[in-house]
Amino acid sequence: MLVIYDSTIQSGSILSFLRKRFSTVVPVHGGDEKEWISNYLNVRTEWLANNTNPLLHGTVYRTKCLQIQIQNNNWDIIQPIKANGVLIP
């Protein structure tokens, strides 16, 4: 839910052109939620980091923070998060 929330407050929604950049089936249609979220974050990180709008480059910390949570198996956000240098207990 945090990934969806972050996309919504930053971009207004999950951008459809980003969804088209990976083939994982959407969870509502039987796809694996963790796989979809991981692939979406990878695509979104790449898009933000290489966007023609340089202001977006500075926002990559958001998706990288979420990717770290996945690496740490912190799917339910039980462990504290360090986001942009700020510890969130």
N, C-alpha and C. Protein backbone atom coordinates (compact mmCIF):
# COMPACT_ATOMS: atom_id res chain seq x y z
N MET A 1 0.82 -1.19 0.00
CA MET A 1 0.00 0.00 0.00
C MET A 1 0.86 1.26 0.00
N LEU A 2 2.01 1.18 0.65
CA LEU A 2 2.89 2.35 0.70
C LEU A 2 3.42 2.71 -0.70
N VAL A 3 3.68 1.72 -1.52
CA VAL A 3 4.15 1.97 -2.88
C VAL A 3 3.06 2.67 -3.69
N ILE A 4 1.84 2.21 -3.56
CA ILE A 4 0.72 2.82 -4.27
C ILE A 4 0.50 4.25 -3.77
N TYR A 5 0.54 4.41 -2.46
CA TYR A 5 0.38 5.74 -1.87
C TYR A 5 1.45 6.70 -2.38
N ASP A 6 2.71 6.26 -2.35
CA ASP A 6 3.80 7.13 -2.78
C ASP A 6 3.63 7.53 -4.25
N SER A 7 3.26 6.58 -5.09
CA SER A 7 3.04 6.89 -6.51
C SER A 7 1.90 7.89 -6.69
N THR A 8 0.88 7.73 -5.88
CA THR A 8 -0.29 8.59 -5.99
C THR A 8 0.02 10.02 -5.55
N ILE A 9 0.73 10.18 -4.44
CA ILE A 9 1.01 11.54 -3.99
C ILE A 9 2.07 12.22 -4.84
N GLN A 10 2.96 11.44 -5.47
CA GLN A 10 3.98 12.06 -6.30
C GLN A 10 3.51 12.28 -7.74
N SER A 11 2.80 11.29 -8.29
CA SER A 11 2.45 11.34 -9.72
C SER A 11 0.96 11.41 -9.99
N GLY A 12 0.15 11.33 -8.95
CA GLY A 12 -1.29 11.37 -9.12
C GLY A 12 -1.93 10.01 -9.30
N SER A 13 -1.12 9.00 -9.64
CA SER A 13 -1.63 7.63 -9.83
C SER A 13 -0.45 6.72 -10.16
N ILE A 14 -0.77 5.45 -10.38
CA ILE A 14 0.20 4.54 -10.98
C ILE A 14 0.14 4.85 -12.48
N LEU A 15 1.20 5.37 -13.02
CA LEU A 15 1.20 5.81 -14.41
C LEU A 15 1.14 4.61 -15.36
N SER A 16 0.19 4.64 -16.27
CA SER A 16 -0.05 3.50 -17.14
C SER A 16 1.15 3.18 -18.03
N PHE A 17 1.89 4.19 -18.47
CA PHE A 17 3.03 3.89 -19.33
C PHE A 17 4.13 3.16 -18.57
N LEU A 18 4.19 3.34 -17.25
CA LEU A 18 5.15 2.57 -16.44
C LEU A 18 4.68 1.13 -16.30
N ARG A 19 3.40 0.92 -16.14
CA ARG A 19 2.85 -0.44 -16.03
C ARG A 19 3.14 -1.25 -17.28
N LYS A 20 3.19 -0.59 -18.41
CA LYS A 20 3.41 -1.28 -19.68
C LYS A 20 4.87 -1.68 -19.88
N ARG A 21 5.76 -1.23 -19.02
CA ARG A 21 7.19 -1.51 -19.17
C ARG A 21 7.61 -2.84 -18.55
N PHE A 22 6.68 -3.55 -17.93
CA PHE A 22 6.99 -4.89 -17.40
C PHE A 22 5.75 -5.76 -17.57
N SER A 23 5.96 -7.05 -17.66
CA SER A 23 4.87 -7.96 -18.04
C SER A 23 4.19 -8.66 -16.88
N THR A 24 4.59 -8.39 -15.67
CA THR A 24 3.98 -9.07 -14.52
C THR A 24 2.49 -8.77 -14.46
N VAL A 25 1.71 -9.82 -14.26
CA VAL A 25 0.26 -9.68 -14.18
C VAL A 25 -0.12 -8.92 -12.91
N VAL A 26 -1.05 -8.01 -13.04
CA VAL A 26 -1.53 -7.23 -11.90
C VAL A 26 -2.15 -8.19 -10.86
N PRO A 27 -1.88 -8.00 -9.58
CA PRO A 27 -2.40 -8.91 -8.56
C PRO A 27 -3.91 -9.12 -8.62
N VAL A 28 -4.67 -8.10 -8.93
CA VAL A 28 -6.13 -8.24 -8.99
C VAL A 28 -6.54 -9.26 -10.06
N HIS A 29 -5.65 -9.52 -11.02
CA HIS A 29 -5.93 -10.49 -12.09
C HIS A 29 -5.15 -11.78 -11.88
N GLY A 30 -4.70 -12.03 -10.65
CA GLY A 30 -4.03 -13.29 -10.32
C GLY A 30 -2.53 -13.24 -10.26
N GLY A 31 -1.94 -12.10 -10.51
CA GLY A 31 -0.48 -11.97 -10.44
C GLY A 31 0.02 -11.96 -9.00
N ASP A 32 1.30 -12.19 -8.85
CA ASP A 32 1.94 -12.20 -7.53
C ASP A 32 2.19 -10.76 -7.09
N GLU A 33 1.64 -10.38 -5.96
CA GLU A 33 1.72 -8.99 -5.48
C GLU A 33 3.16 -8.55 -5.27
N LYS A 34 3.96 -9.38 -4.62
CA LYS A 34 5.35 -8.99 -4.34
C LYS A 34 6.16 -8.85 -5.62
N GLU A 35 5.94 -9.73 -6.56
CA GLU A 35 6.64 -9.65 -7.83
C GLU A 35 6.23 -8.38 -8.59
N TRP A 36 4.93 -8.08 -8.59
CA TRP A 36 4.45 -6.90 -9.30
C TRP A 36 5.02 -5.62 -8.67
N ILE A 37 4.96 -5.53 -7.36
CA ILE A 37 5.48 -4.34 -6.66
C ILE A 37 6.98 -4.18 -6.93
N SER A 38 7.73 -5.27 -6.85
CA SER A 38 9.17 -5.21 -7.10
C SER A 38 9.47 -4.72 -8.52
N ASN A 39 8.78 -5.28 -9.48
CA ASN A 39 9.00 -4.87 -10.87
C ASN A 39 8.56 -3.43 -11.11
N TYR A 40 7.45 -3.05 -10.53
CA TYR A 40 6.98 -1.67 -10.67
C TYR A 40 8.00 -0.70 -10.07
N LEU A 41 8.52 -1.00 -8.89
CA LEU A 41 9.50 -0.11 -8.26
C LEU A 41 10.77 -0.01 -9.11
N ASN A 42 11.19 -1.11 -9.70
CA ASN A 42 12.38 -1.06 -10.56
C ASN A 42 12.15 -0.13 -11.75
N VAL A 43 11.00 -0.25 -12.38
CA VAL A 43 10.67 0.59 -13.53
C VAL A 43 10.52 2.05 -13.11
N ARG A 44 9.87 2.27 -12.00
CA ARG A 44 9.66 3.65 -11.53
C ARG A 44 10.98 4.30 -11.14
N THR A 45 11.86 3.55 -10.49
CA THR A 45 13.17 4.07 -10.12
C THR A 45 13.96 4.48 -11.36
N GLU A 46 13.96 3.61 -12.36
CA GLU A 46 14.66 3.90 -13.62
C GLU A 46 14.08 5.15 -14.28
N TRP A 47 12.77 5.26 -14.30
CA TRP A 47 12.11 6.41 -14.92
C TRP A 47 12.46 7.71 -14.18
N LEU A 48 12.40 7.69 -12.87
CA LEU A 48 12.71 8.89 -12.09
C LEU A 48 14.18 9.29 -12.27
N ALA A 49 15.06 8.31 -12.22
CA ALA A 49 16.50 8.59 -12.29
C ALA A 49 16.93 9.13 -13.65
N ASN A 50 16.23 8.77 -14.70
CA ASN A 50 16.63 9.15 -16.05
C ASN A 50 15.64 10.08 -16.74
N ASN A 51 14.75 10.65 -15.99
CA ASN A 51 13.73 11.51 -16.57
C ASN A 51 14.34 12.78 -17.15
N THR A 52 13.71 13.31 -18.19
CA THR A 52 14.21 14.56 -18.78
C THR A 52 14.02 15.75 -17.85
N ASN A 53 13.15 15.60 -16.87
CA ASN A 53 12.95 16.64 -15.86
C ASN A 53 13.92 16.36 -14.71
N PRO A 54 14.99 17.14 -14.60
CA PRO A 54 16.00 16.87 -13.56
C PRO A 54 15.47 16.98 -12.14
N LEU A 55 14.36 17.65 -11.93
CA LEU A 55 13.78 17.72 -10.58
C LEU A 55 13.38 16.34 -10.07
N LEU A 56 12.99 15.45 -10.97
CA LEU A 56 12.60 14.10 -10.56
C LEU A 56 13.77 13.25 -10.11
N HIS A 57 14.96 13.55 -10.58
CA HIS A 57 16.14 12.77 -10.20
C HIS A 57 16.32 12.76 -8.68
N GLY A 58 16.05 13.88 -8.05
CA GLY A 58 16.21 13.99 -6.61
C GLY A 58 15.17 13.23 -5.80
N THR A 59 14.17 12.68 -6.47
CA THR A 59 13.13 11.95 -5.75
C THR A 59 13.34 10.43 -5.76
N VAL A 60 14.42 9.99 -6.38
CA VAL A 60 14.70 8.56 -6.47
C VAL A 60 14.89 7.94 -5.08
N TYR A 61 15.28 8.73 -4.11
CA TYR A 61 15.45 8.20 -2.76
C TYR A 61 14.16 7.52 -2.26
N ARG A 62 13.03 7.97 -2.75
CA ARG A 62 11.75 7.42 -2.31
C ARG A 62 11.61 5.95 -2.73
N THR A 63 11.84 5.71 -4.02
CA THR A 63 11.71 4.33 -4.51
C THR A 63 12.84 3.46 -4.00
N LYS A 64 14.02 4.03 -3.87
CA LYS A 64 15.14 3.24 -3.34
C LYS A 64 14.87 2.83 -1.90
N CYS A 65 14.28 3.70 -1.13
CA CYS A 65 13.91 3.36 0.25
C CYS A 65 12.93 2.18 0.27
N LEU A 66 11.96 2.23 -0.62
CA LEU A 66 10.99 1.13 -0.69
C LEU A 66 11.63 -0.16 -1.18
N GLN A 67 12.59 -0.05 -2.09
CA GLN A 67 13.31 -1.24 -2.56
C GLN A 67 14.12 -1.87 -1.43
N ILE A 68 14.69 -1.05 -0.58
CA ILE A 68 15.43 -1.56 0.58
C ILE A 68 14.49 -2.32 1.51
N GLN A 69 13.27 -1.84 1.67
CA GLN A 69 12.30 -2.54 2.52
C GLN A 69 12.02 -3.93 1.95
N ILE A 70 11.94 -4.03 0.64
CA ILE A 70 11.73 -5.33 0.00
C ILE A 70 12.94 -6.22 0.24
N GLN A 71 14.14 -5.68 0.05
CA GLN A 71 15.37 -6.46 0.28
C GLN A 71 15.43 -6.97 1.72
N ASN A 72 14.94 -6.16 2.65
CA ASN A 72 14.94 -6.53 4.07
C ASN A 72 13.72 -7.35 4.47
N ASN A 73 12.91 -7.72 3.48
CA ASN A 73 11.67 -8.48 3.71
C ASN A 73 10.76 -7.76 4.71
N ASN A 74 10.74 -6.45 4.63
CA ASN A 74 9.93 -5.62 5.52
C ASN A 74 8.63 -5.22 4.81
N TRP A 75 7.95 -6.21 4.25
CA TRP A 75 6.73 -5.97 3.47
C TRP A 75 5.62 -5.34 4.29
N ASP A 76 5.55 -5.67 5.56
CA ASP A 76 4.49 -5.14 6.42
C ASP A 76 4.94 -3.90 7.20
N ILE A 77 6.10 -3.39 6.87
CA ILE A 77 6.67 -2.19 7.51
C ILE A 77 6.63 -2.32 9.04
N ILE A 78 7.14 -3.45 9.50
CA ILE A 78 7.22 -3.69 10.94
C ILE A 78 8.53 -3.13 11.49
N GLN A 79 9.60 -3.26 10.70
CA GLN A 79 10.90 -2.73 11.09
C GLN A 79 10.95 -1.23 10.82
N PRO A 80 11.76 -0.49 11.56
CA PRO A 80 11.90 0.94 11.29
C PRO A 80 12.44 1.19 9.88
N ILE A 81 12.13 2.34 9.33
CA ILE A 81 12.56 2.73 8.00
C ILE A 81 13.42 3.97 8.13
N LYS A 82 14.51 4.00 7.37
CA LYS A 82 15.31 5.22 7.27
C LYS A 82 15.07 5.79 5.88
N ALA A 83 14.35 6.89 5.81
CA ALA A 83 13.98 7.51 4.54
C ALA A 83 14.66 8.87 4.42
N ASN A 84 15.50 9.01 3.43
CA ASN A 84 16.19 10.27 3.17
C ASN A 84 16.92 10.78 4.41
N GLY A 85 17.52 9.84 5.15
CA GLY A 85 18.29 10.17 6.34
C GLY A 85 17.48 10.31 7.62
N VAL A 86 16.18 10.15 7.54
CA VAL A 86 15.31 10.29 8.71
C VAL A 86 14.81 8.91 9.14
N LEU A 87 15.07 8.56 10.39
CA LEU A 87 14.62 7.28 10.92
C LEU A 87 13.15 7.38 11.32
N ILE A 88 12.36 6.47 10.78
CA ILE A 88 10.93 6.40 11.10
C ILE A 88 10.71 5.12 11.88
N PRO A 89 10.53 5.23 13.19
CA PRO A 89 10.42 4.00 14.02
C PRO A 89 9.12 3.23 13.78
